[in-house]
Amino acid sequence: MLTAAHVVAHAFGTQGGGASVHFETASGSQTVAVDRVLLHPGYDSNGNNDLALVWLAEAAPLAAERYDIYRDDDELLQGFVFAGYGVPGTGRNGMDESYDGDPVRQWGINRFDADPAILKQSLGPVMGWQPLMGSQLLADFDNGLQSQDALGRFLGIHERGYAEDEGNLTSGDSGGPAFLAGKVAGVASYGASLSAGAIAPDYDQVANNAGFGEMAAWQRVSFYQQWIDQSLRAQYQDAPDTAASVVRHVTEGHDGASLAYFLLEFTGVRSDPQQWLSVDYCSRDGSAVAGEDYLAVSGRLVLYPGENKAVIPVEILGDALPEADETFYLDVFNPVGGSFGAGVLTLSAMRTIVDDDGWLLASS
Protein backbone atom coordinates (compact mmCIF):
# COMPACT_ATOMS: atom_id res chain seq x y z
CA MET A 1 0.00 0.00 0.00
CA LEU A 2 1.13 3.54 -0.78
CA THR A 3 0.65 6.29 1.81
CA ALA A 4 2.30 9.40 3.25
CA ALA A 5 5.47 8.87 5.26
CA HIS A 6 4.40 11.20 8.06
CA VAL A 7 1.30 9.06 8.66
CA VAL A 8 3.37 6.08 9.77
CA ALA A 9 6.87 7.39 10.50
CA HIS A 10 6.58 8.43 14.13
CA ALA A 11 3.94 5.99 15.31
CA PHE A 12 5.15 2.77 13.74
CA GLY A 13 8.72 3.14 12.47
CA THR A 14 9.88 0.66 9.85
CA GLN A 15 8.55 -2.58 11.36
CA GLY A 16 4.85 -1.84 11.42
CA GLY A 17 4.89 -1.80 15.24
CA GLY A 18 1.30 -2.91 15.85
CA ALA A 19 -0.18 -0.94 12.97
CA SER A 20 -3.12 -2.25 10.98
CA VAL A 21 -5.06 -1.26 7.89
CA HIS A 22 -8.85 -1.10 7.95
CA PHE A 23 -10.63 -1.85 4.67
CA GLU A 24 -14.16 -0.73 3.90
CA THR A 25 -15.49 -2.57 0.87
CA ALA A 26 -18.81 -3.40 -0.76
CA SER A 27 -18.53 -6.81 0.94
CA GLY A 28 -18.00 -5.39 4.43
CA SER A 29 -15.12 -4.27 6.62
CA GLN A 30 -11.90 -6.06 7.49
CA THR A 31 -8.77 -5.13 9.40
CA VAL A 32 -5.38 -6.52 8.35
CA ALA A 33 -2.14 -6.25 10.33
CA VAL A 34 0.89 -4.44 8.92
CA ASP A 35 4.01 -6.51 8.40
CA ARG A 36 6.55 -3.77 7.60
CA VAL A 37 6.91 -0.19 6.44
CA LEU A 38 9.39 1.43 4.07
CA LEU A 39 9.82 5.21 4.27
CA HIS A 40 11.24 7.07 1.30
CA PRO A 41 14.92 7.58 2.19
CA GLY A 42 14.70 11.31 1.43
CA TYR A 43 11.69 12.00 3.65
CA ASP A 44 12.12 15.19 5.68
CA SER A 45 10.11 17.49 7.90
CA ASN A 46 9.64 20.02 5.07
CA GLY A 47 7.09 17.82 3.33
CA ASN A 48 9.59 16.46 0.80
CA ASN A 49 9.57 12.80 -0.26
CA ASP A 50 6.57 12.27 2.02
CA LEU A 51 5.84 8.72 0.85
CA ALA A 52 5.86 5.29 2.44
CA LEU A 53 5.11 1.76 1.30
CA VAL A 54 3.25 -0.54 3.67
CA TRP A 55 3.27 -4.33 3.35
CA LEU A 56 0.41 -6.28 4.90
CA ALA A 57 0.84 -9.44 6.95
CA GLU A 58 -1.68 -11.18 4.69
CA ALA A 59 -3.35 -10.58 1.36
CA ALA A 60 -5.67 -7.58 1.13
CA PRO A 61 -9.39 -8.47 1.00
CA LEU A 62 -10.36 -9.56 -2.48
CA ALA A 63 -13.20 -7.01 -2.47
CA ALA A 64 -10.75 -4.15 -1.92
CA GLU A 65 -10.15 -2.28 -5.17
CA ARG A 66 -6.62 -2.22 -6.53
CA TYR A 67 -5.31 0.84 -8.36
CA ASP A 68 -2.35 1.36 -10.64
CA ILE A 69 -0.23 4.49 -10.30
CA TYR A 70 -0.36 7.40 -12.74
CA ARG A 71 2.89 7.48 -14.74
CA ASP A 72 2.59 10.40 -17.17
CA ASP A 73 3.87 13.88 -16.32
CA ASP A 74 0.85 15.87 -17.54
CA GLU A 75 -0.99 16.25 -14.20
CA LEU A 76 -0.85 20.04 -14.05
CA LEU A 77 -4.09 21.82 -14.97
CA GLN A 78 -6.03 18.55 -14.84
CA GLY A 79 -9.02 18.04 -12.58
CA PHE A 80 -8.81 15.15 -10.13
CA VAL A 81 -10.94 13.32 -7.58
CA PHE A 82 -9.59 12.73 -4.09
CA ALA A 83 -10.81 10.83 -1.06
CA GLY A 84 -10.01 10.65 2.64
CA TYR A 85 -11.17 10.51 6.23
CA GLY A 86 -10.41 14.10 7.18
CA VAL A 87 -12.40 16.19 9.67
CA PRO A 88 -15.63 17.35 7.97
CA GLY A 89 -16.36 21.01 7.39
CA THR A 90 -17.15 23.63 4.76
CA GLY A 91 -15.10 26.08 2.78
CA ARG A 92 -16.93 28.97 4.40
CA ASN A 93 -16.39 27.84 7.99
CA GLY A 94 -13.31 25.63 7.69
CA MET A 95 -13.04 22.20 9.22
CA ASP A 96 -15.17 21.48 12.27
CA GLU A 97 -12.60 21.39 15.07
CA SER A 98 -15.28 20.18 17.53
CA TYR A 99 -16.19 17.09 15.50
CA ASP A 100 -15.74 13.94 17.60
CA GLY A 101 -17.73 11.40 15.60
CA ASP A 102 -16.44 8.38 13.75
CA PRO A 103 -14.20 9.02 10.72
CA VAL A 104 -16.27 9.40 7.56
CA ARG A 105 -14.93 8.67 4.12
CA GLN A 106 -15.51 11.67 1.88
CA TRP A 107 -14.54 12.79 -1.61
CA GLY A 108 -14.06 16.02 -3.50
CA ILE A 109 -12.86 17.45 -6.80
CA ASN A 110 -10.09 19.94 -7.43
CA ARG A 111 -7.44 20.77 -10.03
CA PHE A 112 -3.69 20.40 -9.88
CA ASP A 113 -2.79 24.04 -10.44
CA ALA A 114 0.95 24.33 -9.86
CA ASP A 115 4.22 22.92 -8.60
CA PRO A 116 4.80 24.23 -5.04
CA ALA A 117 8.47 24.76 -5.92
CA ILE A 118 7.41 27.35 -8.53
CA LEU A 119 5.31 29.10 -5.89
CA LYS A 120 8.36 29.14 -3.62
CA GLN A 121 10.37 30.84 -6.36
CA SER A 122 7.68 33.52 -6.59
CA LEU A 123 7.02 34.07 -2.87
CA GLY A 124 10.49 33.44 -1.44
CA PRO A 125 10.63 33.54 2.38
CA VAL A 126 6.85 33.97 2.63
CA MET A 127 6.83 30.19 2.21
CA GLY A 128 8.58 28.68 5.20
CA TRP A 129 9.51 25.45 3.45
CA GLN A 130 11.39 24.45 0.29
CA PRO A 131 9.53 21.94 -1.91
CA LEU A 132 11.61 19.70 -4.13
CA MET A 133 11.13 20.76 -7.75
CA GLY A 134 8.75 18.51 -9.67
CA SER A 135 7.87 16.28 -6.73
CA GLN A 136 4.56 17.75 -5.53
CA LEU A 137 1.24 18.95 -6.93
CA LEU A 138 -0.57 21.97 -5.49
CA ALA A 139 -4.28 22.86 -5.61
CA ASP A 140 -6.11 25.84 -4.13
CA PHE A 141 -9.62 25.79 -2.62
CA ASP A 142 -11.83 27.99 -4.77
CA ASN A 143 -15.29 29.39 -4.09
CA GLY A 144 -15.81 30.93 -7.52
CA LEU A 145 -14.54 34.36 -6.51
CA GLN A 146 -11.34 35.96 -7.72
CA SER A 147 -10.50 37.03 -4.18
CA GLN A 148 -10.10 33.38 -3.05
CA ASP A 149 -8.37 32.15 -6.21
CA ALA A 150 -5.04 31.85 -4.40
CA LEU A 151 -2.88 30.50 -7.22
CA GLY A 152 -4.56 32.81 -9.69
CA ARG A 153 -3.49 35.75 -7.57
CA PHE A 154 -0.03 34.44 -6.67
CA LEU A 155 0.99 32.91 -9.99
CA GLY A 156 -1.58 34.01 -12.58
CA ILE A 157 -2.93 30.45 -12.86
CA HIS A 158 -6.61 31.33 -12.83
CA GLU A 159 -9.37 28.82 -12.15
CA ARG A 160 -12.52 29.37 -10.07
CA GLY A 161 -13.22 25.81 -8.97
CA TYR A 162 -15.90 23.13 -9.26
CA ALA A 163 -18.73 24.78 -7.29
CA GLU A 164 -20.20 22.49 -4.61
CA ASP A 165 -17.90 19.60 -5.62
CA GLU A 166 -14.72 21.60 -4.94
CA GLY A 167 -12.83 20.20 -1.97
CA ASN A 168 -9.73 20.61 0.16
CA LEU A 169 -7.68 18.44 2.48
CA THR A 170 -8.35 18.58 6.22
CA SER A 171 -6.72 16.97 9.24
CA GLY A 172 -6.94 13.20 8.80
CA ASP A 173 -6.81 13.12 5.01
CA SER A 174 -3.03 12.57 4.88
CA GLY A 175 -2.00 9.57 2.84
CA GLY A 176 -5.21 9.50 0.84
CA PRO A 177 -5.27 9.18 -2.96
CA ALA A 178 -5.89 11.69 -5.72
CA PHE A 179 -7.11 10.00 -8.89
CA LEU A 180 -6.50 10.86 -12.53
CA ALA A 181 -7.97 8.53 -15.15
CA GLY A 182 -8.73 6.00 -12.41
CA LYS A 183 -5.09 5.85 -11.29
CA VAL A 184 -3.35 7.21 -8.20
CA ALA A 185 -1.65 10.43 -9.26
CA GLY A 186 -1.12 12.02 -5.85
CA VAL A 187 -0.82 11.16 -2.16
CA ALA A 188 -2.26 13.74 0.26
CA SER A 189 0.55 15.42 2.17
CA TYR A 190 -0.18 18.86 3.72
CA GLY A 191 -2.22 22.06 3.61
CA ALA A 192 -1.16 25.70 3.75
CA SER A 193 -2.50 29.23 4.17
CA LEU A 194 -0.34 31.94 2.61
CA SER A 195 -0.44 35.69 2.16
CA ALA A 196 2.04 38.08 0.55
CA GLY A 197 1.69 41.82 0.94
CA ALA A 198 -1.80 42.84 -0.15
CA ILE A 199 -2.57 39.35 -1.48
CA ALA A 200 -4.41 37.47 1.26
CA PRO A 201 -6.76 34.90 -0.34
CA ASP A 202 -7.59 32.96 2.85
CA TYR A 203 -11.36 33.51 3.20
CA ASP A 204 -11.49 33.87 7.00
CA GLN A 205 -7.80 34.58 7.70
CA VAL A 206 -7.74 31.58 10.05
CA ALA A 207 -4.58 29.74 9.05
CA ASN A 208 -4.68 26.05 8.26
CA ASN A 209 -8.36 25.41 8.85
CA ALA A 210 -8.77 24.26 5.21
CA GLY A 211 -11.23 27.02 4.29
CA PHE A 212 -11.66 28.82 0.99
CA GLY A 213 -8.46 30.44 -0.27
CA GLU A 214 -6.14 27.90 1.33
CA MET A 215 -4.11 25.31 -0.56
CA ALA A 216 -3.16 21.66 -0.31
CA ALA A 217 -0.31 19.57 -1.68
CA TRP A 218 -0.10 15.99 -2.86
CA GLN A 219 3.11 14.04 -3.44
CA ARG A 220 3.44 13.54 -7.20
CA VAL A 221 3.36 9.79 -7.75
CA SER A 222 4.74 9.92 -11.29
CA PHE A 223 7.89 11.59 -9.93
CA TYR A 224 8.41 8.66 -7.56
CA GLN A 225 7.46 5.76 -9.81
CA GLN A 226 11.01 4.38 -9.99
CA TRP A 227 11.32 4.24 -6.20
CA ILE A 228 7.85 2.67 -5.91
CA ASP A 229 8.42 0.06 -8.63
CA GLN A 230 11.89 -0.98 -7.56
CA SER A 231 10.94 -1.14 -3.88
CA LEU A 232 8.06 -3.46 -4.73
CA ARG A 233 10.16 -5.61 -7.04
CA ALA A 234 12.74 -6.12 -4.32
CA GLN A 235 10.08 -7.62 -2.04
CA TYR A 236 8.22 -9.98 -4.38
CA GLN A 237 8.37 -13.47 -2.92
CA ASP A 238 9.60 -16.32 -5.11
CA ALA A 239 9.55 -14.14 -8.23
CA PRO A 240 11.41 -15.64 -11.21
CA ASP A 241 14.53 -13.92 -12.51
CA THR A 242 15.25 -16.20 -15.46
CA ALA A 243 13.06 -17.76 -18.13
CA ALA A 244 13.88 -21.19 -16.72
CA SER A 245 12.56 -20.26 -13.28
CA VAL A 246 9.16 -19.04 -14.49
CA VAL A 247 6.33 -21.13 -13.03
CA ARG A 248 3.70 -21.61 -15.71
CA HIS A 249 1.34 -23.77 -13.63
CA VAL A 250 0.24 -22.03 -10.41
CA THR A 251 -1.59 -23.85 -7.63
CA GLU A 252 -4.91 -22.18 -6.90
CA GLY A 253 -4.87 -22.37 -3.09
CA HIS A 254 -7.76 -21.54 -0.79
CA ASP A 255 -7.20 -18.03 0.55
CA GLY A 256 -6.47 -15.86 -2.47
CA ALA A 257 -2.85 -15.30 -1.46
CA SER A 258 -0.98 -16.94 -4.35
CA LEU A 259 0.62 -15.05 -7.22
CA ALA A 260 1.28 -15.88 -10.83
CA TYR A 261 4.31 -14.07 -12.24
CA PHE A 262 5.03 -13.02 -15.80
CA LEU A 263 8.67 -12.19 -16.51
CA LEU A 264 9.50 -9.58 -19.14
CA GLU A 265 13.10 -9.31 -20.36
CA PHE A 266 14.73 -6.77 -22.70
CA THR A 267 17.47 -8.32 -24.80
CA GLY A 268 18.39 -5.30 -26.91
CA VAL A 269 20.80 -2.43 -26.26
CA ARG A 270 19.75 0.96 -24.95
CA SER A 271 20.67 3.92 -27.14
CA ASP A 272 21.28 5.82 -23.90
CA PRO A 273 22.23 4.08 -20.61
CA GLN A 274 19.79 6.40 -18.78
CA GLN A 275 16.88 5.56 -21.09
CA TRP A 276 13.64 4.26 -19.61
CA LEU A 277 12.04 1.35 -21.49
CA SER A 278 8.37 0.49 -21.17
CA VAL A 279 5.54 -1.71 -22.37
CA ASP A 280 1.83 -1.68 -21.67
CA TYR A 281 0.15 -4.86 -20.48
CA CYS A 282 -3.32 -6.28 -19.89
CA SER A 283 -4.59 -9.64 -18.65
CA ARG A 284 -7.09 -11.60 -20.73
CA ASP A 285 -9.47 -14.43 -19.90
CA GLY A 286 -8.99 -17.91 -21.22
CA SER A 287 -11.05 -20.57 -19.46
CA ALA A 288 -10.26 -18.66 -16.24
CA VAL A 289 -12.49 -15.62 -15.63
CA ALA A 290 -11.26 -12.34 -14.15
CA GLY A 291 -12.95 -11.60 -10.84
CA GLU A 292 -13.69 -15.28 -10.27
CA ASP A 293 -10.37 -17.04 -10.79
CA TYR A 294 -7.85 -14.19 -10.81
CA LEU A 295 -7.74 -10.40 -10.45
CA ALA A 296 -7.44 -8.58 -13.76
CA VAL A 297 -4.39 -6.35 -14.20
CA SER A 298 -3.45 -3.66 -16.68
CA GLY A 299 -0.88 -0.90 -16.72
CA ARG A 300 2.61 -0.02 -17.83
CA LEU A 301 5.83 -1.78 -16.88
CA VAL A 302 8.95 0.39 -16.89
CA LEU A 303 12.53 -0.88 -16.98
CA TYR A 304 14.76 1.77 -15.42
CA PRO A 305 18.47 2.40 -16.05
CA GLY A 306 20.41 -0.70 -15.10
CA GLU A 307 17.33 -2.95 -15.38
CA ASN A 308 16.70 -5.36 -18.23
CA LYS A 309 13.93 -7.47 -16.72
CA ALA A 310 11.05 -7.29 -14.28
CA VAL A 311 7.98 -9.28 -13.31
CA ILE A 312 4.28 -8.54 -13.46
CA PRO A 313 2.39 -10.28 -10.62
CA VAL A 314 -1.24 -11.41 -10.87
CA GLU A 315 -3.28 -12.41 -7.81
CA ILE A 316 -4.95 -15.81 -8.01
CA LEU A 317 -8.34 -16.18 -6.34
CA GLY A 318 -8.35 -19.38 -4.32
CA ASP A 319 -11.45 -21.32 -3.30
CA ALA A 320 -12.47 -24.74 -2.02
CA LEU A 321 -14.53 -25.79 -5.05
CA PRO A 322 -13.38 -28.75 -7.15
CA GLU A 323 -13.03 -27.60 -10.75
CA ALA A 324 -10.97 -28.16 -13.85
CA ASP A 325 -7.61 -26.45 -14.32
CA GLU A 326 -8.06 -23.06 -16.01
CA THR A 327 -5.95 -20.71 -18.07
CA PHE A 328 -5.57 -16.97 -18.59
CA TYR A 329 -3.23 -14.73 -20.55
CA LEU A 330 -1.14 -11.58 -20.32
CA ASP A 331 -0.76 -9.45 -23.43
CA VAL A 332 2.18 -7.03 -23.73
CA PHE A 333 2.10 -4.26 -26.34
CA ASN A 334 3.14 -0.70 -27.20
CA PRO A 335 6.91 -1.05 -26.58
CA VAL A 336 8.77 2.22 -26.02
CA GLY A 337 12.55 2.21 -26.42
CA GLY A 338 12.66 -1.08 -28.29
CA SER A 339 10.56 -3.39 -30.45
CA PHE A 340 9.23 -6.94 -30.46
CA GLY A 341 10.63 -7.61 -33.91
CA ALA A 342 9.45 -6.91 -37.44
CA GLY A 343 5.67 -7.13 -37.74
CA VAL A 344 5.10 -8.16 -34.12
CA LEU A 345 2.66 -5.91 -32.27
CA THR A 346 1.80 -7.99 -29.21
CA LEU A 347 3.47 -10.63 -27.06
CA SER A 348 1.26 -13.03 -25.11
CA ALA A 349 1.92 -15.56 -22.37
CA MET A 350 -0.37 -18.08 -20.69
CA ARG A 351 -0.64 -19.28 -17.10
CA THR A 352 -2.53 -22.33 -15.87
CA ILE A 353 -4.33 -22.23 -12.52
CA VAL A 354 -4.09 -25.73 -11.10
CA ASP A 355 -7.04 -26.77 -8.97
CA ASP A 356 -6.12 -28.38 -5.64
CA ASP A 357 -9.59 -28.99 -4.19
CA GLY A 358 -10.16 -32.67 -4.89
CA TRP A 359 -11.92 -34.76 -7.49
CA LEU A 360 -14.06 -33.42 -10.33
CA LEU A 361 -16.42 -35.85 -12.05
CA ALA A 362 -16.67 -35.11 -15.75
CA SER A 363 -19.89 -35.95 -17.55
CA SER A 364 -19.67 -38.36 -20.47
Foldseek 3Di string as FASTA:
>chain_A
DKFFQVVDPPPQNFQQNFPWDWDQFPVGIDIFGWGGKAQDPPDDPLQESGMMDIHTPADDPPRGDDFAADADLPQAFDKWKWKWQAADDAQQVFGDPPDDDDGDIDMAMWGQHDFVQVLCVQQPVLDVGHYDPPFKTKTAQAQQDPLLQQCCVRPVRDDRADHPRGFWDAPGGGTIAIDDPRHGFFGWTAKWATADVPRGNRNVPPIRRRHGNIMTMTGGVNVCVVVVVVVVQVPDPLADDDPVSQAQEAEQDAAQGDKHKDKDFADDDFPDLQDKKKKWKWKFFDQDDDPGFWPIDTDMDIAGRPGGMTMDIITTHHHQDDDAKGKIKMKIADIDRDDPDPPDGIDMDMHIHHYDNDDDDDDD
